[in-house]
């Protein structure tokens, strides 16, 4: 099972759920990557203890981190990252909550 990415609108209504699968998480936080310098992305490092909420500048920061980090990842994961970015960048999305298992 992956991390649940819960997407909320401006009335705090859940509008969608996206799953960040474990394989993608492992690629992002591989020991040979420099993920620790991405302040918003690193909040998702601990797969089993992740319970983070992002909105406003925090959500913008996470989107920026993912966009900047994507070129460092193996190309086979680019589509998955783009789909995640598309989901969290939707104009209706005002807040996301990411929950671990």
PDB file of N, CA and C in Angstrom:
ATOM      1  N   UNK A   1       0.835  -1.184   0.000  1.00  0.00           N
ATOM      2  CA  UNK A   1       0.000   0.000   0.000  1.00  0.00           C
ATOM      3  C   UNK A   1       0.875   1.240   0.000  1.00  0.00           C
ATOM      4  N   UNK A   2       0.377   2.274  -0.645  1.00  0.00           N
ATOM      5  CA  UNK A   2       1.123   3.514  -0.728  1.00  0.00           C
ATOM      6  C   UNK A   2       0.654   4.535   0.287  1.00  0.00           C
ATOM      7  N   UNK A   3       1.220   5.718   0.184  1.00  0.00           N
ATOM      8  CA  UNK A   3       0.777   6.833   1.012  1.00  0.00           C
ATOM      9  C   UNK A   3      -0.505   7.391   0.411  1.00  0.00           C
ATOM     10  N   UNK A   4      -1.468   7.701   1.248  1.00  0.00           N
ATOM     11  CA  UNK A   4      -2.709   8.311   0.783  1.00  0.00           C
ATOM     12  C   UNK A   4      -2.526   9.819   0.725  1.00  0.00           C
ATOM     13  N   UNK A   5      -2.803  10.387  -0.436  1.00  0.00           N
ATOM     14  CA  UNK A   5      -2.751  11.833  -0.627  1.00  0.00           C
ATOM     15  C   UNK A   5      -4.201  12.295  -0.758  1.00  0.00           C
ATOM     16  N   UNK A   6      -4.702  12.932   0.293  1.00  0.00           N
ATOM     17  CA  UNK A   6      -6.087  13.388   0.332  1.00  0.00           C
ATOM     18  C   UNK A   6      -6.133  14.834  -0.146  1.00  0.00           C
ATOM     19  N   UNK A   7      -6.974  15.113  -1.123  1.00  0.00           N
ATOM     20  CA  UNK A   7      -7.050  16.434  -1.739  1.00  0.00           C
ATOM     21  C   UNK A   7      -8.347  17.119  -1.304  1.00  0.00           C
ATOM     22  N   UNK A   8      -8.234  18.343  -0.784  1.00  0.00           N
ATOM     23  CA  UNK A   8      -9.379  19.083  -0.258  1.00  0.00           C
ATOM     24  C   UNK A   8      -9.565  20.406  -0.996  1.00  0.00           C
ATOM     25  N   UNK A   9     -10.824  20.842  -1.080  1.00  0.00           N
ATOM     26  CA  UNK A   9     -11.112  22.141  -1.686  1.00  0.00           C
ATOM     27  C   UNK A   9     -11.103  23.234  -0.621  1.00  0.00           C
ATOM     28  N   UNK A  10     -11.531  24.449  -1.000  1.00  0.00           N
ATOM     29  CA  UNK A  10     -11.478  25.583  -0.074  1.00  0.00           C
ATOM     30  C   UNK A  10     -12.520  25.517   1.040  1.00  0.00           C
ATOM     31  N   UNK A  11     -13.469  24.577   0.965  1.00  0.00           N
ATOM     32  CA  UNK A  11     -14.435  24.385   2.052  1.00  0.00           C
ATOM     33  C   UNK A  11     -14.048  23.191   2.920  1.00  0.00           C
ATOM     34  N   UNK A  12     -12.847  22.689   2.711  1.00  0.00           N
ATOM     35  CA  UNK A  12     -12.314  21.542   3.444  1.00  0.00           C
ATOM     36  C   UNK A  12     -13.046  20.243   3.104  1.00  0.00           C
ATOM     37  N   UNK A  13     -13.654  20.216   1.928  1.00  0.00           N
ATOM     38  CA  UNK A  13     -14.350  19.023   1.453  1.00  0.00           C
ATOM     39  C   UNK A  13     -13.355  18.153   0.684  1.00  0.00           C
ATOM     40  N   UNK A  14     -13.336  16.877   1.010  1.00  0.00           N
ATOM     41  CA  UNK A  14     -12.474  15.933   0.301  1.00  0.00           C
ATOM     42  C   UNK A  14     -12.960  15.813  -1.136  1.00  0.00           C
ATOM     43  N   UNK A  15     -12.067  16.089  -2.086  1.00  0.00           N
ATOM     44  CA  UNK A  15     -12.479  16.017  -3.488  1.00  0.00           C
ATOM     45  C   UNK A  15     -11.848  14.844  -4.234  1.00  0.00           C
ATOM     46  N   UNK A  16     -10.760  14.309  -3.696  1.00  0.00           N
ATOM     47  CA  UNK A  16     -10.122  13.193  -4.381  1.00  0.00           C
ATOM     48  C   UNK A  16      -9.071  12.563  -3.471  1.00  0.00           C
ATOM     49  N   UNK A  17      -8.728  11.329  -3.796  1.00  0.00           N
ATOM     50  CA  UNK A  17      -7.649  10.630  -3.098  1.00  0.00           C
ATOM     51  C   UNK A  17      -6.687  10.106  -4.155  1.00  0.00           C
ATOM     52  N   UNK A  18      -5.421  10.362  -3.936  1.00  0.00           N
ATOM     53  CA  UNK A  18      -4.366   9.904  -4.837  1.00  0.00           C
ATOM     54  C   UNK A  18      -3.438   9.021  -4.011  1.00  0.00           C
ATOM     55  N   UNK A  19      -2.932   7.960  -4.606  1.00  0.00           N
ATOM     56  CA  UNK A  19      -2.001   7.095  -3.889  1.00  0.00           C
ATOM     57  C   UNK A  19      -0.587   7.280  -4.420  1.00  0.00           C
ATOM     58  N   UNK A  20       0.324   7.577  -3.513  1.00  0.00           N
ATOM     59  CA  UNK A  20       1.742   7.640  -3.842  1.00  0.00           C
ATOM     60  C   UNK A  20       2.309   6.272  -3.472  1.00  0.00           C
ATOM     61  N   UNK A  21       2.597   5.451  -4.483  1.00  0.00           N
ATOM     62  CA  UNK A  21       2.965   4.069  -4.183  1.00  0.00           C
ATOM     63  C   UNK A  21       4.362   3.960  -3.570  1.00  0.00           C
ATOM     64  N   UNK A  22       4.575   2.844  -2.911  1.00  0.00           N
ATOM     65  CA  UNK A  22       5.817   2.640  -2.161  1.00  0.00           C
ATOM     66  C   UNK A  22       7.042   2.656  -3.075  1.00  0.00           C
ATOM     67  N   UNK A  23       6.910   2.136  -4.280  1.00  0.00           N
ATOM     68  CA  UNK A  23       8.042   2.122  -5.212  1.00  0.00           C
ATOM     69  C   UNK A  23       8.483   3.548  -5.555  1.00  0.00           C
ATOM     70  N   UNK A  24       7.518   4.429  -5.801  1.00  0.00           N
ATOM     71  CA  UNK A  24       7.849   5.828  -6.086  1.00  0.00           C
ATOM     72  C   UNK A  24       8.462   6.482  -4.848  1.00  0.00           C
ATOM     73  N   UNK A  25       7.897   6.220  -3.690  1.00  0.00           N
ATOM     74  CA  UNK A  25       8.455   6.756  -2.445  1.00  0.00           C
ATOM     75  C   UNK A  25       9.908   6.306  -2.276  1.00  0.00           C
ATOM     76  N   UNK A  26      10.167   5.038  -2.525  1.00  0.00           N
ATOM     77  CA  UNK A  26      11.532   4.517  -2.397  1.00  0.00           C
ATOM     78  C   UNK A  26      12.483   5.182  -3.386  1.00  0.00           C
ATOM     79  N   UNK A  27      12.006   5.470  -4.586  1.00  0.00           N
ATOM     80  CA  UNK A  27      12.845   6.151  -5.574  1.00  0.00           C
ATOM     81  C   UNK A  27      13.161   7.572  -5.119  1.00  0.00           C
ATOM     82  N   UNK A  28      12.167   8.269  -4.627  1.00  0.00           N
ATOM     83  CA  UNK A  28      12.381   9.647  -4.175  1.00  0.00           C
ATOM     84  C   UNK A  28      13.390   9.684  -3.033  1.00  0.00           C
ATOM     85  N   UNK A  29      13.259   8.765  -2.097  1.00  0.00           N
ATOM     86  CA  UNK A  29      14.085   8.804  -0.890  1.00  0.00           C
ATOM     87  C   UNK A  29      15.204   7.769  -0.895  1.00  0.00           C
ATOM     88  N   UNK A  30      15.656   7.413  -2.072  1.00  0.00           N
ATOM     89  CA  UNK A  30      16.790   6.511  -2.222  1.00  0.00           C
ATOM     90  C   UNK A  30      18.012   7.121  -1.530  1.00  0.00           C
ATOM     91  N   UNK A  31      18.845   6.269  -0.971  1.00  0.00           N
ATOM     92  CA  UNK A  31      20.011   6.762  -0.234  1.00  0.00           C
ATOM     93  C   UNK A  31      21.020   7.481  -1.116  1.00  0.00           C
ATOM     94  N   UNK A  32      20.974   7.257  -2.418  1.00  0.00           N
ATOM     95  CA  UNK A  32      21.935   7.935  -3.295  1.00  0.00           C
ATOM     96  C   UNK A  32      21.388   9.246  -3.867  1.00  0.00           C
ATOM     97  N   UNK A  33      20.259   9.697  -3.361  1.00  0.00           N
ATOM     98  CA  UNK A  33      19.665  10.959  -3.812  1.00  0.00           C
ATOM     99  C   UNK A  33      19.857  12.031  -2.732  1.00  0.00           C
ATOM    100  N   UNK A  34      19.740  13.284  -3.129  1.00  0.00           N
ATOM    101  CA  UNK A  34      19.928  14.405  -2.196  1.00  0.00           C
ATOM    102  C   UNK A  34      18.590  15.028  -1.801  1.00  0.00           C
ATOM    103  N   UNK A  35      17.678  14.202  -1.356  1.00  0.00           N
ATOM    104  CA  UNK A  35      16.335  14.653  -1.014  1.00  0.00           C
ATOM    105  C   UNK A  35      16.299  15.535   0.227  1.00  0.00           C
ATOM    106  N   UNK A  36      17.263  15.423   1.117  1.00  0.00           N
ATOM    107  CA  UNK A  36      17.225  16.151   2.392  1.00  0.00           C
ATOM    108  C   UNK A  36      17.292  17.666   2.216  1.00  0.00           C
ATOM    109  N   UNK A  37      17.793  18.134   1.091  1.00  0.00           N
ATOM    110  CA  UNK A  37      17.881  19.578   0.873  1.00  0.00           C
ATOM    111  C   UNK A  37      16.560  20.180   0.380  1.00  0.00           C
ATOM    112  N   UNK A  38      15.550  19.351   0.188  1.00  0.00           N
ATOM    113  CA  UNK A  38      14.230  19.810  -0.249  1.00  0.00           C
ATOM    114  C   UNK A  38      13.320  19.847   0.986  1.00  0.00           C
ATOM    115  N   UNK A  39      13.145  21.029   1.548  1.00  0.00           N
ATOM    116  CA  UNK A  39      12.532  21.163   2.871  1.00  0.00           C
ATOM    117  C   UNK A  39      11.096  20.650   2.972  1.00  0.00           C
ATOM    118  N   UNK A  40      10.321  20.746   1.911  1.00  0.00           N
ATOM    119  CA  UNK A  40       8.945  20.254   1.976  1.00  0.00           C
ATOM    120  C   UNK A  40       8.890  18.760   1.662  1.00  0.00           C
ATOM    121  N   UNK A  41       9.657  18.345   0.698  1.00  0.00           N
ATOM    122  CA  UNK A  41       9.688  16.941   0.299  1.00  0.00           C
ATOM    123  C   UNK A  41      10.198  16.043   1.424  1.00  0.00           C
ATOM    124  N   UNK A  42      11.185  16.504   2.154  1.00  0.00           N
ATOM    125  CA  UNK A  42      11.776  15.653   3.198  1.00  0.00           C
ATOM    126  C   UNK A  42      10.808  15.336   4.332  1.00  0.00           C
ATOM    127  N   UNK A  43       9.719  16.093   4.448  1.00  0.00           N
ATOM    128  CA  UNK A  43       8.712  15.802   5.469  1.00  0.00           C
ATOM    129  C   UNK A  43       8.021  14.464   5.216  1.00  0.00           C
ATOM    130  N   UNK A  44       8.164  13.939   4.007  1.00  0.00           N
ATOM    131  CA  UNK A  44       7.514  12.681   3.632  1.00  0.00           C
ATOM    132  C   UNK A  44       8.465  11.496   3.690  1.00  0.00           C
ATOM    133  N   UNK A  45       9.654  11.710   4.211  1.00  0.00           N
ATOM    134  CA  UNK A  45      10.702  10.690   4.200  1.00  0.00           C
ATOM    135  C   UNK A  45      10.307   9.394   4.898  1.00  0.00           C
ATOM    136  N   UNK A  46       9.765   9.481   6.096  1.00  0.00           N
ATOM    137  CA  UNK A  46       9.451   8.281   6.872  1.00  0.00           C
ATOM    138  C   UNK A  46       8.124   7.694   6.393  1.00  0.00           C
ATOM    139  N   UNK A  47       8.207   6.653   5.604  1.00  0.00           N
ATOM    140  CA  UNK A  47       7.047   6.063   4.941  1.00  0.00           C
ATOM    141  C   UNK A  47       5.945   5.665   5.921  1.00  0.00           C
ATOM    142  N   UNK A  48       6.320   5.107   7.051  1.00  0.00           N
ATOM    143  CA  UNK A  48       5.328   4.586   7.989  1.00  0.00           C
ATOM    144  C   UNK A  48       4.837   5.614   9.001  1.00  0.00           C
ATOM    145  N   UNK A  49       5.510   6.742   9.104  1.00  0.00           N
ATOM    146  CA  UNK A  49       5.112   7.742  10.092  1.00  0.00           C
ATOM    147  C   UNK A  49       4.644   9.043   9.449  1.00  0.00           C
ATOM    148  N   UNK A  50       4.533   9.056   8.149  1.00  0.00           N
ATOM    149  CA  UNK A  50       4.121  10.275   7.456  1.00  0.00           C
ATOM    150  C   UNK A  50       2.681  10.612   7.802  1.00  0.00           C
ATOM    151  N   UNK A  51       2.473  11.835   8.223  1.00  0.00           N
ATOM    152  CA  UNK A  51       1.145  12.364   8.503  1.00  0.00           C
ATOM    153  C   UNK A  51       1.277  13.880   8.395  1.00  0.00           C
ATOM    154  N   UNK A  52       1.316  14.366   7.170  1.00  0.00           N
ATOM    155  CA  UNK A  52       1.599  15.778   6.919  1.00  0.00           C
ATOM    156  C   UNK A  52       0.457  16.453   6.182  1.00  0.00           C
ATOM    157  N   UNK A  53       0.293  17.729   6.459  1.00  0.00           N
ATOM    158  CA  UNK A  53      -0.708  18.540   5.786  1.00  0.00           C
ATOM    159  C   UNK A  53      -0.003  19.722   5.123  1.00  0.00           C
ATOM    160  N   UNK A  54      -0.398  20.013   3.894  1.00  0.00           N
ATOM    161  CA  UNK A  54       0.180  21.124   3.148  1.00  0.00           C
ATOM    162  C   UNK A  54      -0.944  21.988   2.591  1.00  0.00           C
ATOM    163  N   UNK A  55      -0.827  23.295   2.779  1.00  0.00           N
ATOM    164  CA  UNK A  55      -1.745  24.245   2.146  1.00  0.00           C
ATOM    165  C   UNK A  55      -0.997  25.550   1.933  1.00  0.00           C
ATOM    166  N   UNK A  56      -1.563  26.440   1.166  1.00  0.00           N
ATOM    167  CA  UNK A  56      -0.939  27.737   0.923  1.00  0.00           C
ATOM    168  C   UNK A  56       0.503  27.614   0.469  1.00  0.00           C
ATOM    169  N   UNK A  57       1.387  28.322   1.174  1.00  0.00           N
ATOM    170  CA  UNK A  57       2.810  28.306   0.819  1.00  0.00           C
ATOM    171  C   UNK A  57       3.425  26.919   0.965  1.00  0.00           C
ATOM    172  N   UNK A  58       2.935  26.139   1.914  1.00  0.00           N
ATOM    173  CA  UNK A  58       3.443  24.778   2.088  1.00  0.00           C
ATOM    174  C   UNK A  58       3.138  23.900   0.889  1.00  0.00           C
ATOM    175  N   UNK A  59       1.934  24.029   0.361  1.00  0.00           N
ATOM    176  CA  UNK A  59       1.555  23.261  -0.826  1.00  0.00           C
ATOM    177  C   UNK A  59       2.361  23.728  -2.033  1.00  0.00           C
ATOM    178  N   UNK A  60       2.512  25.033  -2.172  1.00  0.00           N
ATOM    179  CA  UNK A  60       3.332  25.566  -3.266  1.00  0.00           C
ATOM    180  C   UNK A  60       4.776  25.086  -3.142  1.00  0.00           C
ATOM    181  N   UNK A  61       5.281  25.034  -1.914  1.00  0.00           N
ATOM    182  CA  UNK A  61       6.645  24.561  -1.682  1.00  0.00           C
ATOM    183  C   UNK A  61       6.821  23.100  -2.052  1.00  0.00           C
ATOM    184  N   UNK A  62       5.842  22.268  -1.697  1.00  0.00           N
ATOM    185  CA  UNK A  62       5.913  20.853  -2.047  1.00  0.00           C
ATOM    186  C   UNK A  62       5.874  20.669  -3.559  1.00  0.00           C
ATOM    187  N   UNK A  63       5.008  21.405  -4.227  1.00  0.00           N
ATOM    188  CA  UNK A  63       4.922  21.335  -5.688  1.00  0.00           C
ATOM    189  C   UNK A  63       6.252  21.753  -6.311  1.00  0.00           C
ATOM    190  N   UNK A  64       6.832  22.815  -5.802  1.00  0.00           N
ATOM    191  CA  UNK A  64       8.125  23.286  -6.298  1.00  0.00           C
ATOM    192  C   UNK A  64       9.218  22.241  -6.069  1.00  0.00           C
ATOM    193  N   UNK A  65       9.249  21.662  -4.862  1.00  0.00           N
ATOM    194  CA  UNK A  65      10.239  20.622  -4.564  1.00  0.00           C
ATOM    195  C   UNK A  65      10.108  19.447  -5.533  1.00  0.00           C
ATOM    196  N   UNK A  66       8.888  18.996  -5.772  1.00  0.00           N
ATOM    197  CA  UNK A  66       8.677  17.865  -6.684  1.00  0.00           C
ATOM    198  C   UNK A  66       9.115  18.207  -8.108  1.00  0.00           C
ATOM    199  N   UNK A  67       8.782  19.409  -8.565  1.00  0.00           N
ATOM    200  CA  UNK A  67       9.198  19.837  -9.905  1.00  0.00           C
ATOM    201  C   UNK A  67      10.717  19.894 -10.029  1.00  0.00           C
ATOM    202  N   UNK A  68      11.378  20.405  -9.006  1.00  0.00           N
ATOM    203  CA  UNK A  68      12.833  20.534  -9.043  1.00  0.00           C
ATOM    204  C   UNK A  68      13.546  19.202  -8.838  1.00  0.00           C
ATOM    205  N   UNK A  69      12.908  18.293  -8.126  1.00  0.00           N
ATOM    206  CA  UNK A  69      13.524  17.006  -7.803  1.00  0.00           C
ATOM    207  C   UNK A  69      13.348  15.975  -8.920  1.00  0.00           C
ATOM    208  N   UNK A  70      12.290  16.105  -9.689  1.00  0.00           N
ATOM    209  CA  UNK A  70      11.967  15.120 -10.731  1.00  0.00           C
ATOM    210  C   UNK A  70      13.146  14.809 -11.658  1.00  0.00           C
ATOM    211  N   UNK A  71      13.918  15.800 -12.121  1.00  0.00           N
ATOM    212  CA  UNK A  71      15.043  15.472 -13.016  1.00  0.00           C
ATOM    213  C   UNK A  71      16.120  14.593 -12.372  1.00  0.00           C
ATOM    214  N   UNK A  72      16.151  14.524 -11.048  1.00  0.00           N
ATOM    215  CA  UNK A  72      17.140  13.697 -10.355  1.00  0.00           C
ATOM    216  C   UNK A  72      16.713  12.236 -10.264  1.00  0.00           C
ATOM    217  N   UNK A  73      15.476  11.976 -10.615  1.00  0.00           N
ATOM    218  CA  UNK A  73      14.922  10.629 -10.503  1.00  0.00           C
ATOM    219  C   UNK A  73      15.086   9.864 -11.813  1.00  0.00           C
ATOM    220  N   UNK A  74      15.048   8.541 -11.702  1.00  0.00           N
ATOM    221  CA  UNK A  74      15.083   7.707 -12.902  1.00  0.00           C
ATOM    222  C   UNK A  74      13.897   8.071 -13.793  1.00  0.00           C
ATOM    223  N   UNK A  75      14.134   8.095 -15.081  1.00  0.00           N
ATOM    224  CA  UNK A  75      13.114   8.537 -16.035  1.00  0.00           C
ATOM    225  C   UNK A  75      11.829   7.718 -15.969  1.00  0.00           C
ATOM    226  N   UNK A  76      11.932   6.463 -15.596  1.00  0.00           N
ATOM    227  CA  UNK A  76      10.725   5.627 -15.560  1.00  0.00           C
ATOM    228  C   UNK A  76       9.718   6.098 -14.508  1.00  0.00           C
ATOM    229  N   UNK A  77      10.131   6.968 -13.587  1.00  0.00           N
ATOM    230  CA  UNK A  77       9.233   7.492 -12.554  1.00  0.00           C
ATOM    231  C   UNK A  77       8.670   8.869 -12.899  1.00  0.00           C
ATOM    232  N   UNK A  78       9.128   9.460 -13.977  1.00  0.00           N
ATOM    233  CA  UNK A  78       8.695  10.816 -14.321  1.00  0.00           C
ATOM    234  C   UNK A  78       7.191  10.916 -14.533  1.00  0.00           C
ATOM    235  N   UNK A  79       6.607   9.940 -15.195  1.00  0.00           N
ATOM    236  CA  UNK A  79       5.166   9.981 -15.437  1.00  0.00           C
ATOM    237  C   UNK A  79       4.394   9.945 -14.124  1.00  0.00           C
ATOM    238  N   UNK A  80       4.822   9.110 -13.187  1.00  0.00           N
ATOM    239  CA  UNK A  80       4.148   9.026 -11.882  1.00  0.00           C
ATOM    240  C   UNK A  80       4.243  10.353 -11.137  1.00  0.00           C
ATOM    241  N   UNK A  81       5.396  11.003 -11.199  1.00  0.00           N
ATOM    242  CA  UNK A  81       5.563  12.296 -10.536  1.00  0.00           C
ATOM    243  C   UNK A  81       4.692  13.351 -11.224  1.00  0.00           C
ATOM    244  N   UNK A  82       4.639  13.315 -12.542  1.00  0.00           N
ATOM    245  CA  UNK A  82       3.803  14.267 -13.274  1.00  0.00           C
ATOM    246  C   UNK A  82       2.327  14.092 -12.924  1.00  0.00           C
ATOM    247  N   UNK A  83       1.878  12.847 -12.766  1.00  0.00           N
ATOM    248  CA  UNK A  83       0.486  12.600 -12.375  1.00  0.00           C
ATOM    249  C   UNK A  83       0.208  13.123 -10.967  1.00  0.00           C
ATOM    250  N   UNK A  84       1.157  12.918 -10.065  1.00  0.00           N
ATOM    251  CA  UNK A  84       1.011  13.451  -8.712  1.00  0.00           C
ATOM    252  C   UNK A  84       0.961  14.974  -8.750  1.00  0.00           C
ATOM    253  N   UNK A  85       1.867  15.577  -9.505  1.00  0.00           N
ATOM    254  CA  UNK A  85       1.887  17.037  -9.626  1.00  0.00           C
ATOM    255  C   UNK A  85       0.587  17.571 -10.218  1.00  0.00           C
ATOM    256  N   UNK A  86       0.076  16.878 -11.207  1.00  0.00           N
ATOM    257  CA  UNK A  86      -1.188  17.285 -11.819  1.00  0.00           C
ATOM    258  C   UNK A  86      -2.319  17.250 -10.791  1.00  0.00           C
ATOM    259  N   UNK A  87      -2.344  16.207  -9.972  1.00  0.00           N
ATOM    260  CA  UNK A  87      -3.401  16.071  -8.967  1.00  0.00           C
ATOM    261  C   UNK A  87      -3.319  17.183  -7.919  1.00  0.00           C
ATOM    262  N   UNK A  88      -2.141  17.424  -7.374  1.00  0.00           N
ATOM    263  CA  UNK A  88      -2.021  18.408  -6.287  1.00  0.00           C
ATOM    264  C   UNK A  88      -2.009  19.845  -6.793  1.00  0.00           C
ATOM    265  N   UNK A  89      -1.771  20.047  -8.083  1.00  0.00           N
ATOM    266  CA  UNK A  89      -1.743  21.397  -8.660  1.00  0.00           C
ATOM    267  C   UNK A  89      -3.099  21.856  -9.183  1.00  0.00           C
ATOM    268  N   UNK A  90      -4.085  20.984  -9.148  1.00  0.00           N
ATOM    269  CA  UNK A  90      -5.423  21.343  -9.623  1.00  0.00           C
ATOM    270  C   UNK A  90      -5.903  22.598  -8.889  1.00  0.00           C
ATOM    271  N   UNK A  91      -6.490  23.528  -9.623  1.00  0.00           N
ATOM    272  CA  UNK A  91      -6.949  24.806  -9.050  1.00  0.00           C
ATOM    273  C   UNK A  91      -7.955  24.612  -7.915  1.00  0.00           C
ATOM    274  N   UNK A  92      -8.716  23.520  -7.945  1.00  0.00           N
ATOM    275  CA  UNK A  92      -9.700  23.260  -6.892  1.00  0.00           C
ATOM    276  C   UNK A  92      -9.042  22.820  -5.584  1.00  0.00           C
ATOM    277  N   UNK A  93      -7.830  22.301  -5.666  1.00  0.00           N
ATOM    278  CA  UNK A  93      -7.147  21.776  -4.481  1.00  0.00           C
ATOM    279  C   UNK A  93      -6.532  22.927  -3.685  1.00  0.00           C
ATOM    280  N   UNK A  94      -6.969  23.051  -2.440  1.00  0.00           N
ATOM    281  CA  UNK A  94      -6.463  24.099  -1.554  1.00  0.00           C
ATOM    282  C   UNK A  94      -5.619  23.536  -0.413  1.00  0.00           C
ATOM    283  N   UNK A  95      -5.789  22.237  -0.152  1.00  0.00           N
ATOM    284  CA  UNK A  95      -5.058  21.599   0.939  1.00  0.00           C
ATOM    285  C   UNK A  95      -4.895  20.128   0.594  1.00  0.00           C
ATOM    286  N   UNK A  96      -3.755  19.570   0.985  1.00  0.00           N
ATOM    287  CA  UNK A  96      -3.579  18.125   0.868  1.00  0.00           C
ATOM    288  C   UNK A  96      -3.112  17.581   2.208  1.00  0.00           C
ATOM    289  N   UNK A  97      -3.486  16.364   2.468  1.00  0.00           N
ATOM    290  CA  UNK A  97      -3.035  15.651   3.658  1.00  0.00           C
ATOM    291  C   UNK A  97      -2.446  14.343   3.166  1.00  0.00           C
ATOM    292  N   UNK A  98      -1.244  14.033   3.620  1.00  0.00           N
ATOM    293  CA  UNK A  98      -0.567  12.808   3.205  1.00  0.00           C
ATOM    294  C   UNK A  98      -0.413  11.923   4.431  1.00  0.00           C
ATOM    295  N   UNK A  99      -1.020  10.747   4.353  1.00  0.00           N
ATOM    296  CA  UNK A  99      -1.031   9.814   5.479  1.00  0.00           C
ATOM    297  C   UNK A  99      -0.289   8.540   5.121  1.00  0.00           C
ATOM    298  N   UNK A 100       0.531   8.083   6.051  1.00  0.00           N
ATOM    299  CA  UNK A 100       1.235   6.821   5.880  1.00  0.00           C
ATOM    300  C   UNK A 100       0.383   5.655   6.320  1.00  0.00           C
ATOM    301  N   UNK A 101       0.938   4.476   6.174  1.00  0.00           N
ATOM    302  CA  UNK A 101       0.219   3.258   6.571  1.00  0.00           C
ATOM    303  C   UNK A 101       0.212   3.086   8.071  1.00  0.00           C
TER     304      UNK A 101
END
